[in-house]
Amino acid sequence: MESESYEATLLTWTPVIASKSGFPRDEKGNPFLPGDLIREAIVSAAIYYYIKKDREIESRVKNYLLKKGLDPEEVIDRVKSIISEKYPILKDLIIPEKIRIPKEKIHRIRAEVFNLKRWEEEETLQVESFKGTLEIPIASPHMEKIKAAGHSFCEGLARMEMDLLEDHPLVERFYKPLLNDIKKWEIPLRIGMWTLTRYKGHLLFFWKIKEVREALIRELKIDIRPESILYLPREECTTGWCELKINQ
């Protein structure tokens, strides 16, 4: 299937943080959003969507994750390969390597690493953030599938964070309005550094399946659930909630 090219707008509804060290710069010192961060967000969404949608894929991924001797460095590539063999949603996806950000849109802000289990701050960071819109050329023959995957994953992720926060004030103030808004977004994506947990949300589907969670804790010493999120106290929000809109 041939890729179709689009002009798209990325709307960052909450600030995006690229990394602890900030946004990369080009040879002229101009900051940019790496295209790989958008690709990674689409990969997370696609993995979640197809494991949830297809019982055969769910079974294959589950069997793989329950194997002993997992190599932590190859887990996501292997899961992605299992899905891509049947659903080539990531094939022929073209995103620019560097998406330039106006310098004046980069701001240093205070971010808290907030533990979702203990409801407490683990660490405070001073980091670069971006909030605004960016125009992005993108090409894919599977844009409708990316849209469906984005909705499935981001809504699932928001619900998971709400569940872990239980009756924390952030649920009423931020997450419930966010979840209503996400339903109206064209292509929701969670972009950039929003947790310090390894694998981010790549294996989110299995967070309620006890045997898989316990196996990964035993084999890889990681919990599928993001144990912490980046919270911005001044903005009263968590990071990286974005919408990709295809320009008509």
C-alpha atoms as a PDB file:
ATOM      1  CA  MET A   1       0.000   0.000   0.000  1.00  0.00           C
ATOM      2  CA  GLU A   2       1.367   3.391  -0.983  1.00  0.00           C
ATOM      3  CA  SER A   3       1.887   6.112   1.624  1.00  0.00           C
ATOM      4  CA  GLU A   4      -0.353   9.133   1.483  1.00  0.00           C
ATOM      5  CA  SER A   5       1.192  12.464   2.426  1.00  0.00           C
ATOM      6  CA  TYR A   6      -0.492  14.920   4.759  1.00  0.00           C
ATOM      7  CA  GLU A   7       0.156  18.305   6.288  1.00  0.00           C
ATOM      8  CA  ALA A   8      -0.637  17.996   9.976  1.00  0.00           C
ATOM      9  CA  THR A   9      -0.681  20.208  13.044  1.00  0.00           C
ATOM     10  CA  LEU A  10       0.567  18.959  16.393  1.00  0.00           C
ATOM     11  CA  LEU A  11      -1.259  20.587  19.305  1.00  0.00           C
ATOM     12  CA  THR A  12       0.384  20.123  22.683  1.00  0.00           C
ATOM     13  CA  TRP A  13      -2.497  20.381  25.132  1.00  0.00           C
ATOM     14  CA  THR A  14      -0.094  19.987  28.046  1.00  0.00           C
ATOM     15  CA  PRO A  15       3.637  20.818  27.907  1.00  0.00           C
ATOM     16  CA  VAL A  16       5.962  18.373  26.178  1.00  0.00           C
ATOM     17  CA  ILE A  17       9.329  17.518  27.732  1.00  0.00           C
ATOM     18  CA  ALA A  18      11.834  15.845  25.421  1.00  0.00           C
ATOM     19  CA  SER A  19      14.282  14.618  28.090  1.00  0.00           C
ATOM     20  CA  LYS A  20      15.921  15.592  31.362  1.00  0.00           C
ATOM     21  CA  SER A  21      18.676  17.303  29.372  1.00  0.00           C
ATOM     22  CA  GLY A  22      16.238  19.366  27.305  1.00  0.00           C
ATOM     23  CA  PHE A  23      15.430  19.638  23.620  1.00  0.00           C
ATOM     24  CA  PRO A  24      18.186  18.860  21.129  1.00  0.00           C
ATOM     25  CA  ARG A  25      19.568  21.670  18.957  1.00  0.00           C
ATOM     26  CA  ASP A  26      20.617  21.698  15.317  1.00  0.00           C
ATOM     27  CA  GLU A  27      23.956  23.000  14.041  1.00  0.00           C
ATOM     28  CA  LYS A  28      22.647  26.581  14.256  1.00  0.00           C
ATOM     29  CA  GLY A  29      21.477  26.174  17.840  1.00  0.00           C
ATOM     30  CA  ASN A  30      17.776  25.962  16.984  1.00  0.00           C
ATOM     31  CA  PRO A  31      15.752  23.622  19.230  1.00  0.00           C
ATOM     32  CA  PHE A  32      13.719  20.863  17.622  1.00  0.00           C
ATOM     33  CA  LEU A  33      11.299  18.089  18.507  1.00  0.00           C
ATOM     34  CA  PRO A  34      12.791  14.767  17.379  1.00  0.00           C
ATOM     35  CA  GLY A  35      10.459  12.946  15.003  1.00  0.00           C
ATOM     36  CA  ASP A  36      11.323   9.751  16.870  1.00  0.00           C
ATOM     37  CA  LEU A  37       9.303  10.996  19.865  1.00  0.00           C
ATOM     38  CA  ILE A  38       6.176  11.103  17.691  1.00  0.00           C
ATOM     39  CA  ARG A  39       7.016   7.715  16.200  1.00  0.00           C
ATOM     40  CA  GLU A  40       7.502   6.256  19.691  1.00  0.00           C
ATOM     41  CA  ALA A  41       4.075   7.595  20.729  1.00  0.00           C
ATOM     42  CA  ILE A  42       2.491   5.923  17.694  1.00  0.00           C
ATOM     43  CA  VAL A  43       4.318   2.648  18.458  1.00  0.00           C
ATOM     44  CA  SER A  44       2.969   2.656  22.046  1.00  0.00           C
ATOM     45  CA  ALA A  45      -0.547   3.262  20.739  1.00  0.00           C
ATOM     46  CA  ALA A  46      -0.299   0.569  18.059  1.00  0.00           C
ATOM     47  CA  ILE A  47       1.006  -2.081  20.478  1.00  0.00           C
ATOM     48  CA  TYR A  48      -1.801  -1.405  22.949  1.00  0.00           C
ATOM     49  CA  TYR A  49      -4.498  -1.231  20.256  1.00  0.00           C
ATOM     50  CA  TYR A  50      -3.698  -4.498  18.488  1.00  0.00           C
ATOM     51  CA  ILE A  51      -3.093  -6.524  21.640  1.00  0.00           C
ATOM     52  CA  LYS A  52      -6.502  -5.337  22.854  1.00  0.00           C
ATOM     53  CA  LYS A  53      -8.194  -5.839  19.469  1.00  0.00           C
ATOM     54  CA  ASP A  54      -6.834  -9.247  18.413  1.00  0.00           C
ATOM     55  CA  ARG A  55      -6.925 -12.299  20.732  1.00  0.00           C
ATOM     56  CA  GLU A  56      -4.319 -14.134  18.657  1.00  0.00           C
ATOM     57  CA  ILE A  57      -1.893 -11.215  19.014  1.00  0.00           C
ATOM     58  CA  GLU A  58      -2.697 -10.953  22.725  1.00  0.00           C
ATOM     59  CA  SER A  59      -1.949 -14.664  23.180  1.00  0.00           C
ATOM     60  CA  ARG A  60       1.326 -14.531  21.219  1.00  0.00           C
ATOM     61  CA  VAL A  61       2.597 -11.478  23.092  1.00  0.00           C
ATOM     62  CA  LYS A  62       1.495 -12.919  26.436  1.00  0.00           C
ATOM     63  CA  ASN A  63       3.290 -16.224  25.752  1.00  0.00           C
ATOM     64  CA  TYR A  64       6.430 -14.333  24.786  1.00  0.00           C
ATOM     65  CA  LEU A  65       6.359 -12.179  27.932  1.00  0.00           C
ATOM     66  CA  LEU A  66       5.904 -15.254  30.138  1.00  0.00           C
ATOM     67  CA  LYS A  67       9.065 -16.901  28.781  1.00  0.00           C
ATOM     68  CA  LYS A  68      12.079 -17.147  31.041  1.00  0.00           C
ATOM     69  CA  GLY A  69      15.304 -15.428  30.094  1.00  0.00           C
ATOM     70  CA  LEU A  70      13.789 -12.349  28.471  1.00  0.00           C
ATOM     71  CA  ASP A  71      16.325  -9.849  27.167  1.00  0.00           C
ATOM     72  CA  PRO A  72      15.133  -6.431  28.402  1.00  0.00           C
ATOM     73  CA  GLU A  73      16.813  -4.742  25.442  1.00  0.00           C
ATOM     74  CA  GLU A  74      14.788  -6.632  22.850  1.00  0.00           C
ATOM     75  CA  VAL A  75      11.340  -6.881  24.486  1.00  0.00           C
ATOM     76  CA  ILE A  76       9.669  -3.957  22.716  1.00  0.00           C
ATOM     77  CA  ASP A  77      11.226  -4.744  19.311  1.00  0.00           C
ATOM     78  CA  ARG A  78       9.993  -8.337  19.596  1.00  0.00           C
ATOM     79  CA  VAL A  79       6.475  -7.282  20.621  1.00  0.00           C
ATOM     80  CA  LYS A  80       6.433  -4.753  17.779  1.00  0.00           C
ATOM     81  CA  SER A  81       7.569  -7.475  15.362  1.00  0.00           C
ATOM     82  CA  ILE A  82       4.759  -9.825  16.460  1.00  0.00           C
ATOM     83  CA  ILE A  83       2.197  -7.129  15.706  1.00  0.00           C
ATOM     84  CA  SER A  84       3.798  -5.886  12.472  1.00  0.00           C
ATOM     85  CA  GLU A  85       3.776  -9.392  10.966  1.00  0.00           C
ATOM     86  CA  LYS A  86      -0.019  -9.205  10.883  1.00  0.00           C
ATOM     87  CA  TYR A  87      -0.752  -5.473  10.994  1.00  0.00           C
ATOM     88  CA  PRO A  88       1.807  -3.313   9.141  1.00  0.00           C
ATOM     89  CA  ILE A  89       0.507  -0.086  10.695  1.00  0.00           C
ATOM     90  CA  LEU A  90       4.044   1.245  11.156  1.00  0.00           C
ATOM     91  CA  LYS A  91       5.176   0.392   7.633  1.00  0.00           C
ATOM     92  CA  ASP A  92       5.794   3.397   5.359  1.00  0.00           C
ATOM     93  CA  LEU A  93       5.208   5.827   8.225  1.00  0.00           C
ATOM     94  CA  ILE A  94       7.277   8.904   7.379  1.00  0.00           C
ATOM     95  CA  ILE A  95       7.895  11.630   9.976  1.00  0.00           C
ATOM     96  CA  PRO A  96      10.548  14.363   9.721  1.00  0.00           C
ATOM     97  CA  GLU A  97      13.697  13.668  11.704  1.00  0.00           C
ATOM     98  CA  LYS A  98      13.706  17.195  13.157  1.00  0.00           C
ATOM     99  CA  ILE A  99      10.671  19.420  13.759  1.00  0.00           C
ATOM    100  CA  ARG A 100      11.893  22.911  14.495  1.00  0.00           C
ATOM    101  CA  ILE A 101      10.549  24.729  17.559  1.00  0.00           C
ATOM    102  CA  PRO A 102      10.744  28.548  17.822  1.00  0.00           C
ATOM    103  CA  LYS A 103      13.280  29.391  20.538  1.00  0.00           C
ATOM    104  CA  GLU A 104      10.817  31.648  22.331  1.00  0.00           C
ATOM    105  CA  LYS A 105       8.468  28.683  22.811  1.00  0.00           C
ATOM    106  CA  ILE A 106      10.977  26.773  24.928  1.00  0.00           C
ATOM    107  CA  HIS A 107      10.597  27.444  28.663  1.00  0.00           C
ATOM    108  CA  ARG A 108      12.249  26.038  31.767  1.00  0.00           C
ATOM    109  CA  ILE A 109       9.714  24.777  34.256  1.00  0.00           C
ATOM    110  CA  ARG A 110       9.597  22.832  37.511  1.00  0.00           C
ATOM    111  CA  ALA A 111       8.428  19.253  37.153  1.00  0.00           C
ATOM    112  CA  GLU A 112       7.777  16.770  39.933  1.00  0.00           C
ATOM    113  CA  VAL A 113       8.303  13.042  39.541  1.00  0.00           C
ATOM    114  CA  PHE A 114       5.070  12.003  41.251  1.00  0.00           C
ATOM    115  CA  ASN A 115       4.741   8.456  42.578  1.00  0.00           C
ATOM    116  CA  LEU A 116       1.332   7.055  41.616  1.00  0.00           C
ATOM    117  CA  LYS A 117       1.376   4.400  44.327  1.00  0.00           C
ATOM    118  CA  ARG A 118       2.436   6.538  47.278  1.00  0.00           C
ATOM    119  CA  TRP A 119       0.970   9.869  46.090  1.00  0.00           C
ATOM    120  CA  GLU A 120       4.192  11.664  46.853  1.00  0.00           C
ATOM    121  CA  GLU A 121       6.924  13.578  45.099  1.00  0.00           C
ATOM    122  CA  GLU A 122      10.038  11.477  44.440  1.00  0.00           C
ATOM    123  CA  GLU A 123      12.184  14.053  42.691  1.00  0.00           C
ATOM    124  CA  THR A 124      12.034  17.630  41.437  1.00  0.00           C
ATOM    125  CA  LEU A 125      13.417  18.521  38.018  1.00  0.00           C
ATOM    126  CA  GLN A 126      14.090  21.800  36.248  1.00  0.00           C
ATOM    127  CA  VAL A 127      13.463  20.960  32.610  1.00  0.00           C
ATOM    128  CA  GLU A 128      12.828  22.522  29.212  1.00  0.00           C
ATOM    129  CA  SER A 129       9.257  22.332  28.002  1.00  0.00           C
ATOM    130  CA  PHE A 130       7.313  23.239  24.895  1.00  0.00           C
ATOM    131  CA  LYS A 131       3.653  24.105  24.602  1.00  0.00           C
ATOM    132  CA  GLY A 132       2.089  25.322  21.383  1.00  0.00           C
ATOM    133  CA  THR A 133       1.493  24.092  17.851  1.00  0.00           C
ATOM    134  CA  LEU A 134       3.874  22.691  15.252  1.00  0.00           C
ATOM    135  CA  GLU A 135       3.259  22.074  11.565  1.00  0.00           C
ATOM    136  CA  ILE A 136       4.410  18.597  10.557  1.00  0.00           C
ATOM    137  CA  PRO A 137       4.430  16.865   7.165  1.00  0.00           C
ATOM    138  CA  ILE A 138       3.598  13.189   7.694  1.00  0.00           C
ATOM    139  CA  ALA A 139       2.978  10.259   5.387  1.00  0.00           C
ATOM    140  CA  SER A 140       1.259   6.934   6.068  1.00  0.00           C
ATOM    141  CA  PRO A 141      -1.166   4.589   4.288  1.00  0.00           C
ATOM    142  CA  HIS A 142      -2.679   3.746   7.691  1.00  0.00           C
ATOM    143  CA  MET A 143      -3.762   7.089   9.149  1.00  0.00           C
ATOM    144  CA  GLU A 144      -7.230   5.846  10.150  1.00  0.00           C
ATOM    145  CA  LYS A 145      -5.658   2.949  12.068  1.00  0.00           C
ATOM    146  CA  ILE A 146      -3.232   5.342  13.772  1.00  0.00           C
ATOM    147  CA  LYS A 147      -6.233   7.443  14.775  1.00  0.00           C
ATOM    148  CA  ALA A 148      -8.036   4.442  16.282  1.00  0.00           C
ATOM    149  CA  ALA A 149      -4.887   3.300  18.066  1.00  0.00           C
ATOM    150  CA  GLY A 150      -4.239   6.787  19.474  1.00  0.00           C
ATOM    151  CA  HIS A 151      -7.730   6.975  20.955  1.00  0.00           C
ATOM    152  CA  SER A 152      -7.572   3.461  22.397  1.00  0.00           C
ATOM    153  CA  PHE A 153      -4.182   3.961  24.028  1.00  0.00           C
ATOM    154  CA  CYS A 154      -4.516   7.522  25.353  1.00  0.00           C
ATOM    155  CA  GLU A 155      -7.973   6.899  26.792  1.00  0.00           C
ATOM    156  CA  GLY A 156      -6.716   3.671  28.385  1.00  0.00           C
ATOM    157  CA  LEU A 157      -3.637   5.414  29.783  1.00  0.00           C
ATOM    158  CA  ALA A 158      -5.660   8.301  31.230  1.00  0.00           C
ATOM    159  CA  ARG A 159      -8.036   5.824  32.900  1.00  0.00           C
ATOM    160  CA  MET A 160      -5.132   3.856  34.348  1.00  0.00           C
ATOM    161  CA  GLU A 161      -3.569   6.975  35.860  1.00  0.00           C
ATOM    162  CA  MET A 162      -6.995   7.958  37.237  1.00  0.00           C
ATOM    163  CA  ASP A 163      -7.436   4.487  38.764  1.00  0.00           C
ATOM    164  CA  LEU A 164      -4.060   4.684  40.483  1.00  0.00           C
ATOM    165  CA  LEU A 165      -4.782   8.180  41.799  1.00  0.00           C
ATOM    166  CA  GLU A 166      -8.184   7.048  43.153  1.00  0.00           C
ATOM    167  CA  ASP A 167      -9.645  10.042  45.011  1.00  0.00           C
ATOM    168  CA  HIS A 168      -6.619  12.335  44.632  1.00  0.00           C
ATOM    169  CA  PRO A 169      -7.729  15.920  43.775  1.00  0.00           C
ATOM    170  CA  LEU A 170      -5.915  15.673  40.419  1.00  0.00           C
ATOM    171  CA  VAL A 171      -8.592  13.234  39.218  1.00  0.00           C
ATOM    172  CA  GLU A 172     -11.398  15.810  39.393  1.00  0.00           C
ATOM    173  CA  ARG A 173      -9.299  18.826  38.472  1.00  0.00           C
ATOM    174  CA  PHE A 174      -7.370  17.349  35.566  1.00  0.00           C
ATOM    175  CA  TYR A 175      -8.048  13.758  34.518  1.00  0.00           C
ATOM    176  CA  LYS A 176     -11.822  13.734  34.185  1.00  0.00           C
ATOM    177  CA  PRO A 177     -11.858  16.865  31.963  1.00  0.00           C
ATOM    178  CA  LEU A 178      -8.868  15.456  30.044  1.00  0.00           C
ATOM    179  CA  LEU A 179     -10.631  12.167  29.332  1.00  0.00           C
ATOM    180  CA  ASN A 180     -13.669  14.003  27.990  1.00  0.00           C
ATOM    181  CA  ASP A 181     -11.422  16.149  25.797  1.00  0.00           C
ATOM    182  CA  ILE A 182      -9.422  13.208  24.419  1.00  0.00           C
ATOM    183  CA  LYS A 183     -12.602  11.688  23.000  1.00  0.00           C
ATOM    184  CA  LYS A 184     -12.935  14.790  20.795  1.00  0.00           C
ATOM    185  CA  TRP A 185      -9.333  14.915  19.610  1.00  0.00           C
ATOM    186  CA  GLU A 186      -8.547  13.741  16.090  1.00  0.00           C
ATOM    187  CA  ILE A 187      -5.442  11.642  16.839  1.00  0.00           C
ATOM    188  CA  PRO A 188      -4.462  11.623  20.542  1.00  0.00           C
ATOM    189  CA  LEU A 189      -0.796  10.875  21.328  1.00  0.00           C
ATOM    190  CA  ARG A 190       1.297  10.879  24.531  1.00  0.00           C
ATOM    191  CA  ILE A 191       4.587  12.403  23.479  1.00  0.00           C
ATOM    192  CA  GLY A 192       7.970  12.828  25.110  1.00  0.00           C
ATOM    193  CA  MET A 193       9.037  12.231  28.698  1.00  0.00           C
ATOM    194  CA  TRP A 194       5.925  11.720  30.824  1.00  0.00           C
ATOM    195  CA  THR A 195       7.236   8.949  33.093  1.00  0.00           C
ATOM    196  CA  LEU A 196      10.632   7.638  34.152  1.00  0.00           C
ATOM    197  CA  THR A 197       9.344   4.043  34.100  1.00  0.00           C
ATOM    198  CA  ARG A 198      11.099   1.774  31.612  1.00  0.00           C
ATOM    199  CA  TYR A 199       9.019   0.899  28.507  1.00  0.00           C
ATOM    200  CA  LYS A 200       6.705   3.850  29.293  1.00  0.00           C
ATOM    201  CA  GLY A 201       3.265   2.641  28.187  1.00  0.00           C
ATOM    202  CA  HIS A 202       4.395   0.060  25.623  1.00  0.00           C
ATOM    203  CA  LEU A 203       3.051  -2.906  27.616  1.00  0.00           C
ATOM    204  CA  LEU A 204       0.134  -1.072  29.216  1.00  0.00           C
ATOM    205  CA  PHE A 205      -2.473  -3.622  28.063  1.00  0.00           C
ATOM    206  CA  PHE A 206      -1.134  -6.203  30.527  1.00  0.00           C
ATOM    207  CA  TRP A 207      -1.131  -4.016  33.621  1.00  0.00           C
ATOM    208  CA  LYS A 208      -4.222  -5.740  35.060  1.00  0.00           C
ATOM    209  CA  ILE A 209      -3.120  -9.277  34.111  1.00  0.00           C
ATOM    210  CA  LYS A 210      -1.449 -10.483  37.286  1.00  0.00           C
ATOM    211  CA  GLU A 211       0.607 -13.367  35.889  1.00  0.00           C
ATOM    212  CA  VAL A 212       2.233 -11.178  33.227  1.00  0.00           C
ATOM    213  CA  ARG A 213       2.934  -8.332  35.653  1.00  0.00           C
ATOM    214  CA  GLU A 214       4.451 -10.728  38.173  1.00  0.00           C
ATOM    215  CA  ALA A 215       6.534 -12.485  35.497  1.00  0.00           C
ATOM    216  CA  LEU A 216       8.025  -9.197  34.296  1.00  0.00           C
ATOM    217  CA  ILE A 217       8.740  -8.069  37.838  1.00  0.00           C
ATOM    218  CA  ARG A 218      10.449 -11.416  38.440  1.00  0.00           C
ATOM    219  CA  GLU A 219      12.353 -11.594  35.132  1.00  0.00           C
ATOM    220  CA  LEU A 220      13.100  -7.951  34.363  1.00  0.00           C
ATOM    221  CA  LYS A 221      12.598  -6.249  37.746  1.00  0.00           C
ATOM    222  CA  ILE A 222      10.091  -3.808  36.201  1.00  0.00           C
ATOM    223  CA  ASP A 223       6.406  -3.112  36.703  1.00  0.00           C
ATOM    224  CA  ILE A 224       4.297  -2.702  33.567  1.00  0.00           C
ATOM    225  CA  ARG A 225       2.420   0.153  35.172  1.00  0.00           C
ATOM    226  CA  PRO A 226       4.123   3.516  35.028  1.00  0.00           C
ATOM    227  CA  GLU A 227       4.875   3.904  38.737  1.00  0.00           C
ATOM    228  CA  SER A 228       5.489   7.617  38.400  1.00  0.00           C
ATOM    229  CA  ILE A 229       4.418  10.455  36.155  1.00  0.00           C
ATOM    230  CA  LEU A 230       5.762  13.936  35.531  1.00  0.00           C
ATOM    231  CA  TYR A 231       3.485  16.463  37.185  1.00  0.00           C
ATOM    232  CA  LEU A 232       3.699  20.211  36.616  1.00  0.00           C
ATOM    233  CA  PRO A 233       2.470  21.885  39.822  1.00  0.00           C
ATOM    234  CA  ARG A 234       2.198  25.372  38.370  1.00  0.00           C
ATOM    235  CA  GLU A 235       0.106  24.176  35.423  1.00  0.00           C
ATOM    236  CA  GLU A 236      -1.698  21.496  37.499  1.00  0.00           C
ATOM    237  CA  CYS A 237      -1.317  18.880  34.771  1.00  0.00           C
ATOM    238  CA  THR A 238       0.763  15.920  33.667  1.00  0.00           C
ATOM    239  CA  THR A 239       2.961  16.113  30.606  1.00  0.00           C
ATOM    240  CA  GLY A 240       2.840  15.128  26.950  1.00  0.00           C
ATOM    241  CA  TRP A 241      -0.882  15.014  26.117  1.00  0.00           C
ATOM    242  CA  CYS A 242      -1.035  15.961  22.434  1.00  0.00           C
ATOM    243  CA  GLU A 243      -3.366  15.919  19.444  1.00  0.00           C
ATOM    244  CA  LEU A 244      -2.334  15.411  15.822  1.00  0.00           C
ATOM    245  CA  LYS A 245      -4.754  17.081  13.433  1.00  0.00           C
ATOM    246  CA  ILE A 246      -4.706  16.401   9.708  1.00  0.00           C
ATOM    247  CA  ASN A 247      -5.114  19.688   7.857  1.00  0.00           C
ATOM    248  CA  GLN A 248      -7.954  19.677   5.354  1.00  0.00           C
END
